């Protein structure tokens, strides 16, 4: 069922596009070196990008682990990346995670 706000915007259509764009951005990265389309996604949806690269990468890999739209293999690659750095793959980013990144 579509949800329409008072201005006539189709919420479900916007959410579908957001999810599609997010999946494309998360799939476009090289898990070790290149952010792919992630910066473009962040700019389009006004998502703040951390100044420190290591925080960006930790957040990116956490997002990939949590994104059920990604293939399991992609999620496992990011989970391994986080575990190699002794960072918990699930939940919010902690100060200890930032130090280990």
PDB file of N, CA and C in Angstrom:
ATOM      1  N   UNK A   1       0.833  -1.185   0.000  1.00  0.00           N
ATOM      2  CA  UNK A   1       0.000   0.000   0.000  1.00  0.00           C
ATOM      3  C   UNK A   1       0.877   1.248   0.000  1.00  0.00           C
ATOM      4  N   UNK A   2       0.631   2.126  -0.926  1.00  0.00           N
ATOM      5  CA  UNK A   2       1.405   3.360  -1.010  1.00  0.00           C
ATOM      6  C   UNK A   2       1.034   4.299   0.116  1.00  0.00           C
ATOM      7  N   UNK A   3       2.057   4.997   0.607  1.00  0.00           N
ATOM      8  CA  UNK A   3       1.815   6.023   1.613  1.00  0.00           C
ATOM      9  C   UNK A   3       2.109   7.372   0.967  1.00  0.00           C
ATOM     10  N   UNK A   4       1.122   8.231   0.960  1.00  0.00           N
ATOM     11  CA  UNK A   4       1.261   9.551   0.351  1.00  0.00           C
ATOM     12  C   UNK A   4       1.206  10.602   1.456  1.00  0.00           C
ATOM     13  N   UNK A   5       2.185  11.508   1.457  1.00  0.00           N
ATOM     14  CA  UNK A   5       2.155  12.587   2.446  1.00  0.00           C
ATOM     15  C   UNK A   5       1.285  13.733   1.914  1.00  0.00           C
ATOM     16  N   UNK A   6       1.043  14.748   2.737  1.00  0.00           N
ATOM     17  CA  UNK A   6       0.163  15.856   2.298  1.00  0.00           C
ATOM     18  C   UNK A   6       0.645  16.581   1.042  1.00  0.00           C
ATOM     19  N   UNK A   7       1.949  16.554   0.780  1.00  0.00           N
ATOM     20  CA  UNK A   7       2.459  17.226  -0.418  1.00  0.00           C
ATOM     21  C   UNK A   7       2.336  16.346  -1.658  1.00  0.00           C
ATOM     22  N   UNK A   8       1.839  15.111  -1.488  1.00  0.00           N
ATOM     23  CA  UNK A   8       1.658  14.223  -2.629  1.00  0.00           C
ATOM     24  C   UNK A   8       2.865  13.357  -2.945  1.00  0.00           C
ATOM     25  N   UNK A   9       3.844  13.312  -2.059  1.00  0.00           N
ATOM     26  CA  UNK A   9       5.038  12.505  -2.282  1.00  0.00           C
ATOM     27  C   UNK A   9       4.755  11.050  -1.951  1.00  0.00           C
ATOM     28  N   UNK A  10       5.200  10.167  -2.813  1.00  0.00           N
ATOM     29  CA  UNK A  10       5.040   8.733  -2.614  1.00  0.00           C
ATOM     30  C   UNK A  10       6.198   8.224  -1.766  1.00  0.00           C
ATOM     31  N   UNK A  11       5.931   7.985  -0.471  1.00  0.00           N
ATOM     32  CA  UNK A  11       6.996   7.529   0.425  1.00  0.00           C
ATOM     33  C   UNK A  11       7.585   6.192  -0.001  1.00  0.00           C
ATOM     34  N   UNK A  12       6.746   5.243  -0.377  1.00  0.00           N
ATOM     35  CA  UNK A  12       7.261   3.915  -0.709  1.00  0.00           C
ATOM     36  C   UNK A  12       8.141   3.976  -1.952  1.00  0.00           C
ATOM     37  N   UNK A  13       7.794   4.824  -2.903  1.00  0.00           N
ATOM     38  CA  UNK A  13       8.637   4.973  -4.095  1.00  0.00           C
ATOM     39  C   UNK A  13       9.987   5.576  -3.752  1.00  0.00           C
ATOM     40  N   UNK A  14       9.997   6.564  -2.853  1.00  0.00           N
ATOM     41  CA  UNK A  14      11.256   7.168  -2.420  1.00  0.00           C
ATOM     42  C   UNK A  14      12.116   6.149  -1.681  1.00  0.00           C
ATOM     43  N   UNK A  15      11.497   5.349  -0.825  1.00  0.00           N
ATOM     44  CA  UNK A  15      12.237   4.356  -0.064  1.00  0.00           C
ATOM     45  C   UNK A  15      12.797   3.279  -0.987  1.00  0.00           C
ATOM     46  N   UNK A  16      12.022   2.873  -1.971  1.00  0.00           N
ATOM     47  CA  UNK A  16      12.512   1.877  -2.929  1.00  0.00           C
ATOM     48  C   UNK A  16      13.745   2.400  -3.663  1.00  0.00           C
ATOM     49  N   UNK A  17      13.692   3.674  -4.074  1.00  0.00           N
ATOM     50  CA  UNK A  17      14.843   4.261  -4.779  1.00  0.00           C
ATOM     51  C   UNK A  17      16.047   4.364  -3.860  1.00  0.00           C
ATOM     52  N   UNK A  18      15.817   4.747  -2.607  1.00  0.00           N
ATOM     53  CA  UNK A  18      16.900   4.839  -1.625  1.00  0.00           C
ATOM     54  C   UNK A  18      17.569   3.479  -1.449  1.00  0.00           C
ATOM     55  N   UNK A  19      16.768   2.441  -1.256  1.00  0.00           N
ATOM     56  CA  UNK A  19      17.323   1.086  -1.069  1.00  0.00           C
ATOM     57  C   UNK A  19      18.088   0.632  -2.303  1.00  0.00           C
ATOM     58  N   UNK A  20      17.556   0.922  -3.474  1.00  0.00           N
ATOM     59  CA  UNK A  20      18.233   0.562  -4.723  1.00  0.00           C
ATOM     60  C   UNK A  20      19.579   1.286  -4.815  1.00  0.00           C
ATOM     61  N   UNK A  21      19.574   2.580  -4.539  1.00  0.00           N
ATOM     62  CA  UNK A  21      20.810   3.365  -4.600  1.00  0.00           C
ATOM     63  C   UNK A  21      21.822   2.887  -3.554  1.00  0.00           C
ATOM     64  N   UNK A  22      21.334   2.571  -2.353  1.00  0.00           N
ATOM     65  CA  UNK A  22      22.233   2.094  -1.299  1.00  0.00           C
ATOM     66  C   UNK A  22      22.874   0.770  -1.690  1.00  0.00           C
ATOM     67  N   UNK A  23      22.084  -0.152  -2.181  1.00  0.00           N
ATOM     68  CA  UNK A  23      22.628  -1.448  -2.595  1.00  0.00           C
ATOM     69  C   UNK A  23      23.679  -1.260  -3.691  1.00  0.00           C
ATOM     70  N   UNK A  24      23.367  -0.425  -4.677  1.00  0.00           N
ATOM     71  CA  UNK A  24      24.310  -0.173  -5.764  1.00  0.00           C
ATOM     72  C   UNK A  24      25.619   0.420  -5.232  1.00  0.00           C
ATOM     73  N   UNK A  25      25.505   1.376  -4.305  1.00  0.00           N
ATOM     74  CA  UNK A  25      26.706   2.004  -3.738  1.00  0.00           C
ATOM     75  C   UNK A  25      27.517   0.999  -2.917  1.00  0.00           C
ATOM     76  N   UNK A  26      26.841   0.206  -2.103  1.00  0.00           N
ATOM     77  CA  UNK A  26      27.558  -0.768  -1.269  1.00  0.00           C
ATOM     78  C   UNK A  26      28.189  -1.874  -2.105  1.00  0.00           C
ATOM     79  N   UNK A  27      27.578  -2.215  -3.227  1.00  0.00           N
ATOM     80  CA  UNK A  27      28.137  -3.249  -4.106  1.00  0.00           C
ATOM     81  C   UNK A  27      29.268  -2.711  -4.979  1.00  0.00           C
ATOM     82  N   UNK A  28      29.354  -1.393  -5.137  1.00  0.00           N
ATOM     83  CA  UNK A  28      30.330  -0.808  -6.060  1.00  0.00           C
ATOM     84  C   UNK A  28      31.732  -0.693  -5.469  1.00  0.00           C
ATOM     85  N   UNK A  29      31.852  -0.916  -4.171  1.00  0.00           N
ATOM     86  CA  UNK A  29      33.160  -0.687  -3.554  1.00  0.00           C
ATOM     87  C   UNK A  29      34.092  -1.866  -3.767  1.00  0.00           C
ATOM     88  N   UNK A  30      35.374  -1.573  -3.735  1.00  0.00           N
ATOM     89  CA  UNK A  30      36.391  -2.604  -3.574  1.00  0.00           C
ATOM     90  C   UNK A  30      36.587  -2.649  -2.067  1.00  0.00           C
ATOM     91  N   UNK A  31      36.237  -3.762  -1.411  1.00  0.00           N
ATOM     92  CA  UNK A  31      36.232  -3.783   0.048  1.00  0.00           C
ATOM     93  C   UNK A  31      37.541  -3.374   0.725  1.00  0.00           C
ATOM     94  N   UNK A  32      38.634  -3.347  -0.005  1.00  0.00           N
ATOM     95  CA  UNK A  32      39.904  -3.006   0.632  1.00  0.00           C
ATOM     96  C   UNK A  32      40.401  -1.607   0.303  1.00  0.00           C
ATOM     97  N   UNK A  33      40.032  -1.079  -0.864  1.00  0.00           N
ATOM     98  CA  UNK A  33      40.705   0.146  -1.270  1.00  0.00           C
ATOM     99  C   UNK A  33      39.863   1.274  -1.852  1.00  0.00           C
ATOM    100  N   UNK A  34      38.726   0.989  -2.453  1.00  0.00           N
ATOM    101  CA  UNK A  34      38.038   2.046  -3.187  1.00  0.00           C
ATOM    102  C   UNK A  34      36.569   2.164  -2.780  1.00  0.00           C
ATOM    103  N   UNK A  35      36.107   3.372  -2.476  1.00  0.00           N
ATOM    104  CA  UNK A  35      34.728   3.553  -2.026  1.00  0.00           C
ATOM    105  C   UNK A  35      33.681   3.485  -3.123  1.00  0.00           C
ATOM    106  N   UNK A  36      34.088   3.353  -4.372  1.00  0.00           N
ATOM    107  CA  UNK A  36      33.116   3.237  -5.454  1.00  0.00           C
ATOM    108  C   UNK A  36      32.146   4.407  -5.481  1.00  0.00           C
ATOM    109  N   UNK A  37      30.864   4.101  -5.519  1.00  0.00           N
ATOM    110  CA  UNK A  37      29.822   5.125  -5.632  1.00  0.00           C
ATOM    111  C   UNK A  37      29.316   5.604  -4.271  1.00  0.00           C
ATOM    112  N   UNK A  38      29.972   5.196  -3.199  1.00  0.00           N
ATOM    113  CA  UNK A  38      29.476   5.520  -1.869  1.00  0.00           C
ATOM    114  C   UNK A  38      29.464   7.023  -1.598  1.00  0.00           C
ATOM    115  N   UNK A  39      30.487   7.746  -2.051  1.00  0.00           N
ATOM    116  CA  UNK A  39      30.513   9.194  -1.838  1.00  0.00           C
ATOM    117  C   UNK A  39      29.349   9.875  -2.569  1.00  0.00           C
ATOM    118  N   UNK A  40      29.052   9.402  -3.788  1.00  0.00           N
ATOM    119  CA  UNK A  40      27.920   9.968  -4.534  1.00  0.00           C
ATOM    120  C   UNK A  40      26.606   9.712  -3.800  1.00  0.00           C
ATOM    121  N   UNK A  41      26.450   8.503  -3.256  1.00  0.00           N
ATOM    122  CA  UNK A  41      25.255   8.174  -2.489  1.00  0.00           C
ATOM    123  C   UNK A  41      25.128   9.112  -1.285  1.00  0.00           C
ATOM    124  N   UNK A  42      26.223   9.281  -0.555  1.00  0.00           N
ATOM    125  CA  UNK A  42      26.205  10.138   0.640  1.00  0.00           C
ATOM    126  C   UNK A  42      25.830  11.577   0.283  1.00  0.00           C
ATOM    127  N   UNK A  43      26.366  12.054  -0.818  1.00  0.00           N
ATOM    128  CA  UNK A  43      26.051  13.419  -1.246  1.00  0.00           C
ATOM    129  C   UNK A  43      24.571  13.546  -1.618  1.00  0.00           C
ATOM    130  N   UNK A  44      24.065  12.592  -2.394  1.00  0.00           N
ATOM    131  CA  UNK A  44      22.667  12.635  -2.852  1.00  0.00           C
ATOM    132  C   UNK A  44      21.692  12.619  -1.678  1.00  0.00           C
ATOM    133  N   UNK A  45      21.972  11.781  -0.672  1.00  0.00           N
ATOM    134  CA  UNK A  45      21.049  11.628   0.448  1.00  0.00           C
ATOM    135  C   UNK A  45      21.473  12.402   1.701  1.00  0.00           C
ATOM    136  N   UNK A  46      22.459  13.286   1.513  1.00  0.00           N
ATOM    137  CA  UNK A  46      22.924  14.150   2.595  1.00  0.00           C
ATOM    138  C   UNK A  46      23.356  13.356   3.832  1.00  0.00           C
ATOM    139  N   UNK A  47      24.099  12.277   3.577  1.00  0.00           N
ATOM    140  CA  UNK A  47      24.651  11.454   4.653  1.00  0.00           C
ATOM    141  C   UNK A  47      26.035  12.006   4.975  1.00  0.00           C
ATOM    142  N   UNK A  48      26.280  12.393   6.228  1.00  0.00           N
ATOM    143  CA  UNK A  48      27.601  12.929   6.575  1.00  0.00           C
ATOM    144  C   UNK A  48      28.693  11.870   6.355  1.00  0.00           C
ATOM    145  N   UNK A  49      29.810  12.313   5.803  1.00  0.00           N
ATOM    146  CA  UNK A  49      30.949  11.426   5.573  1.00  0.00           C
ATOM    147  C   UNK A  49      32.015  11.765   6.604  1.00  0.00           C
ATOM    148  N   UNK A  50      32.466  10.761   7.372  1.00  0.00           N
ATOM    149  CA  UNK A  50      33.507  11.037   8.367  1.00  0.00           C
ATOM    150  C   UNK A  50      34.770  11.582   7.710  1.00  0.00           C
ATOM    151  N   UNK A  51      35.438  12.483   8.405  1.00  0.00           N
ATOM    152  CA  UNK A  51      36.674  13.072   7.888  1.00  0.00           C
ATOM    153  C   UNK A  51      37.789  12.028   7.863  1.00  0.00           C
ATOM    154  N   UNK A  52      37.850  11.210   8.903  1.00  0.00           N
ATOM    155  CA  UNK A  52      38.909  10.205   8.988  1.00  0.00           C
ATOM    156  C   UNK A  52      38.540   8.990   8.145  1.00  0.00           C
ATOM    157  N   UNK A  53      39.451   8.610   7.257  1.00  0.00           N
ATOM    158  CA  UNK A  53      39.194   7.500   6.339  1.00  0.00           C
ATOM    159  C   UNK A  53      38.892   6.203   7.081  1.00  0.00           C
ATOM    160  N   UNK A  54      39.590   5.936   8.179  1.00  0.00           N
ATOM    161  CA  UNK A  54      39.376   4.660   8.871  1.00  0.00           C
ATOM    162  C   UNK A  54      37.959   4.567   9.436  1.00  0.00           C
ATOM    163  N   UNK A  55      37.394   5.680   9.872  1.00  0.00           N
ATOM    164  CA  UNK A  55      36.026   5.672  10.386  1.00  0.00           C
ATOM    165  C   UNK A  55      35.050   5.448   9.229  1.00  0.00           C
ATOM    166  N   UNK A  56      35.332   6.067   8.092  1.00  0.00           N
ATOM    167  CA  UNK A  56      34.517   5.850   6.897  1.00  0.00           C
ATOM    168  C   UNK A  56      34.475   4.366   6.556  1.00  0.00           C
ATOM    169  N   UNK A  57      35.653   3.718   6.520  1.00  0.00           N
ATOM    170  CA  UNK A  57      35.713   2.308   6.121  1.00  0.00           C
ATOM    171  C   UNK A  57      35.028   1.404   7.136  1.00  0.00           C
ATOM    172  N   UNK A  58      35.192   1.671   8.410  1.00  0.00           N
ATOM    173  CA  UNK A  58      34.525   0.850   9.424  1.00  0.00           C
ATOM    174  C   UNK A  58      33.005   0.977   9.264  1.00  0.00           C
ATOM    175  N   UNK A  59      32.520   2.199   9.122  1.00  0.00           N
ATOM    176  CA  UNK A  59      31.080   2.407   8.936  1.00  0.00           C
ATOM    177  C   UNK A  59      30.576   1.752   7.656  1.00  0.00           C
ATOM    178  N   UNK A  60      31.347   1.848   6.601  1.00  0.00           N
ATOM    179  CA  UNK A  60      30.964   1.252   5.327  1.00  0.00           C
ATOM    180  C   UNK A  60      30.831  -0.265   5.458  1.00  0.00           C
ATOM    181  N   UNK A  61      31.816  -0.892   6.091  1.00  0.00           N
ATOM    182  CA  UNK A  61      31.767  -2.349   6.249  1.00  0.00           C
ATOM    183  C   UNK A  61      30.648  -2.768   7.198  1.00  0.00           C
ATOM    184  N   UNK A  62      30.393  -1.983   8.237  1.00  0.00           N
ATOM    185  CA  UNK A  62      29.266  -2.289   9.123  1.00  0.00           C
ATOM    186  C   UNK A  62      27.948  -2.198   8.344  1.00  0.00           C
ATOM    187  N   UNK A  63      27.829  -1.217   7.485  1.00  0.00           N
ATOM    188  CA  UNK A  63      26.613  -1.076   6.667  1.00  0.00           C
ATOM    189  C   UNK A  63      26.445  -2.273   5.736  1.00  0.00           C
ATOM    190  N   UNK A  64      27.554  -2.734   5.157  1.00  0.00           N
ATOM    191  CA  UNK A  64      27.478  -3.890   4.260  1.00  0.00           C
ATOM    192  C   UNK A  64      27.061  -5.153   5.021  1.00  0.00           C
ATOM    193  N   UNK A  65      27.556  -5.331   6.234  1.00  0.00           N
ATOM    194  CA  UNK A  65      27.188  -6.499   7.037  1.00  0.00           C
ATOM    195  C   UNK A  65      25.687  -6.477   7.339  1.00  0.00           C
ATOM    196  N   UNK A  66      25.166  -5.317   7.659  1.00  0.00           N
ATOM    197  CA  UNK A  66      23.771  -5.182   8.072  1.00  0.00           C
ATOM    198  C   UNK A  66      22.774  -5.137   6.911  1.00  0.00           C
ATOM    199  N   UNK A  67      23.237  -4.893   5.700  1.00  0.00           N
ATOM    200  CA  UNK A  67      22.345  -4.710   4.550  1.00  0.00           C
ATOM    201  C   UNK A  67      21.874  -6.060   4.009  1.00  0.00           C
ATOM    202  N   UNK A  68      20.646  -6.420   4.333  1.00  0.00           N
ATOM    203  CA  UNK A  68      20.119  -7.718   3.908  1.00  0.00           C
ATOM    204  C   UNK A  68      19.879  -7.796   2.399  1.00  0.00           C
ATOM    205  N   UNK A  69      19.946  -6.668   1.707  1.00  0.00           N
ATOM    206  CA  UNK A  69      19.787  -6.675   0.251  1.00  0.00           C
ATOM    207  C   UNK A  69      21.051  -7.135  -0.476  1.00  0.00           C
ATOM    208  N   UNK A  70      22.186  -7.161   0.229  1.00  0.00           N
ATOM    209  CA  UNK A  70      23.438  -7.591  -0.399  1.00  0.00           C
ATOM    210  C   UNK A  70      23.550  -9.106  -0.385  1.00  0.00           C
ATOM    211  N   UNK A  71      24.260  -9.665  -1.370  1.00  0.00           N
ATOM    212  CA  UNK A  71      24.504 -11.105  -1.350  1.00  0.00           C
ATOM    213  C   UNK A  71      25.304 -11.492  -0.100  1.00  0.00           C
ATOM    214  N   UNK A  72      25.042 -12.673   0.407  1.00  0.00           N
ATOM    215  CA  UNK A  72      25.718 -13.158   1.615  1.00  0.00           C
ATOM    216  C   UNK A  72      27.234 -13.082   1.474  1.00  0.00           C
ATOM    217  N   UNK A  73      27.755 -13.429   0.314  1.00  0.00           N
ATOM    218  CA  UNK A  73      29.211 -13.405   0.099  1.00  0.00           C
ATOM    219  C   UNK A  73      29.789 -12.009   0.344  1.00  0.00           C
ATOM    220  N   UNK A  74      29.111 -10.986  -0.139  1.00  0.00           N
ATOM    221  CA  UNK A  74      29.575  -9.610   0.057  1.00  0.00           C
ATOM    222  C   UNK A  74      29.537  -9.229   1.533  1.00  0.00           C
ATOM    223  N   UNK A  75      28.483  -9.647   2.203  1.00  0.00           N
ATOM    224  CA  UNK A  75      28.348  -9.347   3.635  1.00  0.00           C
ATOM    225  C   UNK A  75      29.447 -10.041   4.430  1.00  0.00           C
ATOM    226  N   UNK A  76      29.774 -11.266   4.051  1.00  0.00           N
ATOM    227  CA  UNK A  76      30.821 -12.004   4.757  1.00  0.00           C
ATOM    228  C   UNK A  76      32.208 -11.396   4.540  1.00  0.00           C
ATOM    229  N   UNK A  77      32.445 -10.842   3.362  1.00  0.00           N
ATOM    230  CA  UNK A  77      33.723 -10.160   3.094  1.00  0.00           C
ATOM    231  C   UNK A  77      33.893  -8.999   4.073  1.00  0.00           C
ATOM    232  N   UNK A  78      32.846  -8.217   4.248  1.00  0.00           N
ATOM    233  CA  UNK A  78      32.927  -7.078   5.159  1.00  0.00           C
ATOM    234  C   UNK A  78      32.998  -7.528   6.616  1.00  0.00           C
ATOM    235  N   UNK A  79      32.292  -8.582   6.945  1.00  0.00           N
ATOM    236  CA  UNK A  79      32.352  -9.114   8.308  1.00  0.00           C
ATOM    237  C   UNK A  79      33.777  -9.554   8.632  1.00  0.00           C
ATOM    238  N   UNK A  80      34.433 -10.218   7.688  1.00  0.00           N
ATOM    239  CA  UNK A  80      35.822 -10.650   7.890  1.00  0.00           C
ATOM    240  C   UNK A  80      36.749  -9.447   8.014  1.00  0.00           C
ATOM    241  N   UNK A  81      36.522  -8.412   7.208  1.00  0.00           N
ATOM    242  CA  UNK A  81      37.342  -7.198   7.265  1.00  0.00           C
ATOM    243  C   UNK A  81      37.279  -6.600   8.666  1.00  0.00           C
ATOM    244  N   UNK A  82      36.082  -6.532   9.219  1.00  0.00           N
ATOM    245  CA  UNK A  82      35.912  -5.977  10.565  1.00  0.00           C
ATOM    246  C   UNK A  82      36.556  -6.875  11.623  1.00  0.00           C
ATOM    247  N   UNK A  83      36.345  -8.158  11.516  1.00  0.00           N
ATOM    248  CA  UNK A  83      36.901  -9.087  12.507  1.00  0.00           C
ATOM    249  C   UNK A  83      38.430  -9.080  12.489  1.00  0.00           C
ATOM    250  N   UNK A  84      39.028  -8.933  11.301  1.00  0.00           N
ATOM    251  CA  UNK A  84      40.495  -8.840  11.193  1.00  0.00           C
ATOM    252  C   UNK A  84      41.024  -7.675  12.021  1.00  0.00           C
ATOM    253  N   UNK A  85      40.216  -6.671  12.209  1.00  0.00           N
ATOM    254  CA  UNK A  85      40.603  -5.475  12.966  1.00  0.00           C
ATOM    255  C   UNK A  85      40.029  -5.490  14.383  1.00  0.00           C
ATOM    256  N   UNK A  86      39.501  -6.644  14.765  1.00  0.00           N
ATOM    257  CA  UNK A  86      38.912  -6.843  16.097  1.00  0.00           C
ATOM    258  C   UNK A  86      37.778  -5.863  16.371  1.00  0.00           C
ATOM    259  N   UNK A  87      36.970  -5.627  15.346  1.00  0.00           N
ATOM    260  CA  UNK A  87      35.822  -4.723  15.451  1.00  0.00           C
ATOM    261  C   UNK A  87      34.556  -5.555  15.354  1.00  0.00           C
ATOM    262  N   UNK A  88      33.650  -5.332  16.287  1.00  0.00           N
ATOM    263  CA  UNK A  88      32.382  -6.050  16.295  1.00  0.00           C
ATOM    264  C   UNK A  88      31.584  -5.661  15.046  1.00  0.00           C
ATOM    265  N   UNK A  89      31.196  -6.646  14.227  1.00  0.00           N
ATOM    266  CA  UNK A  89      30.485  -6.331  12.983  1.00  0.00           C
ATOM    267  C   UNK A  89      29.082  -5.764  13.167  1.00  0.00           C
ATOM    268  N   UNK A  90      28.451  -6.022  14.305  1.00  0.00           N
ATOM    269  CA  UNK A  90      27.073  -5.581  14.505  1.00  0.00           C
ATOM    270  C   UNK A  90      27.013  -4.488  15.561  1.00  0.00           C
ATOM    271  N   UNK A  91      26.030  -3.625  15.431  1.00  0.00           N
ATOM    272  CA  UNK A  91      25.836  -2.586  16.426  1.00  0.00           C
ATOM    273  C   UNK A  91      26.571  -1.301  16.078  1.00  0.00           C
ATOM    274  N   UNK A  92      26.428  -0.310  16.959  1.00  0.00           N
ATOM    275  CA  UNK A  92      27.027   1.009  16.694  1.00  0.00           C
ATOM    276  C   UNK A  92      28.550   0.984  16.810  1.00  0.00           C
ATOM    277  N   UNK A  93      29.161   1.963  16.191  1.00  0.00           N
ATOM    278  CA  UNK A  93      30.612   2.138  16.235  1.00  0.00           C
ATOM    279  C   UNK A  93      31.008   2.676  17.607  1.00  0.00           C
ATOM    280  N   UNK A  94      31.949   1.986  18.253  1.00  0.00           N
ATOM    281  CA  UNK A  94      32.392   2.424  19.577  1.00  0.00           C
ATOM    282  C   UNK A  94      33.729   3.143  19.484  1.00  0.00           C
ATOM    283  N   UNK A  95      34.104   3.818  20.556  1.00  0.00           N
ATOM    284  CA  UNK A  95      35.417   4.477  20.600  1.00  0.00           C
ATOM    285  C   UNK A  95      36.537   3.447  20.455  1.00  0.00           C
ATOM    286  N   UNK A  96      36.359   2.265  21.031  1.00  0.00           N
ATOM    287  CA  UNK A  96      37.374   1.214  20.909  1.00  0.00           C
ATOM    288  C   UNK A  96      37.501   0.741  19.464  1.00  0.00           C
ATOM    289  N   UNK A  97      36.367   0.656  18.738  1.00  0.00           N
ATOM    290  CA  UNK A  97      36.407   0.267  17.338  1.00  0.00           C
ATOM    291  C   UNK A  97      37.241   1.271  16.527  1.00  0.00           C
ATOM    292  N   UNK A  98      37.049   2.535  16.823  1.00  0.00           N
ATOM    293  CA  UNK A  98      37.777   3.582  16.086  1.00  0.00           C
ATOM    294  C   UNK A  98      39.271   3.453  16.326  1.00  0.00           C
ATOM    295  N   UNK A  99      39.671   3.148  17.549  1.00  0.00           N
ATOM    296  CA  UNK A  99      41.094   2.982  17.858  1.00  0.00           C
ATOM    297  C   UNK A  99      41.691   1.785  17.129  1.00  0.00           C
ATOM    298  N   UNK A 100      40.892   0.714  16.965  1.00  0.00           N
ATOM    299  CA  UNK A 100      41.391  -0.500  16.331  1.00  0.00           C
ATOM    300  C   UNK A 100      41.395  -0.409  14.810  1.00  0.00           C
ATOM    301  N   UNK A 101      40.631   0.489  14.253  1.00  0.00           N
ATOM    302  CA  UNK A 101      40.483   0.567  12.794  1.00  0.00           C
ATOM    303  C   UNK A 101      41.789   0.911  12.109  1.00  0.00           C
TER     304      UNK A 101
END
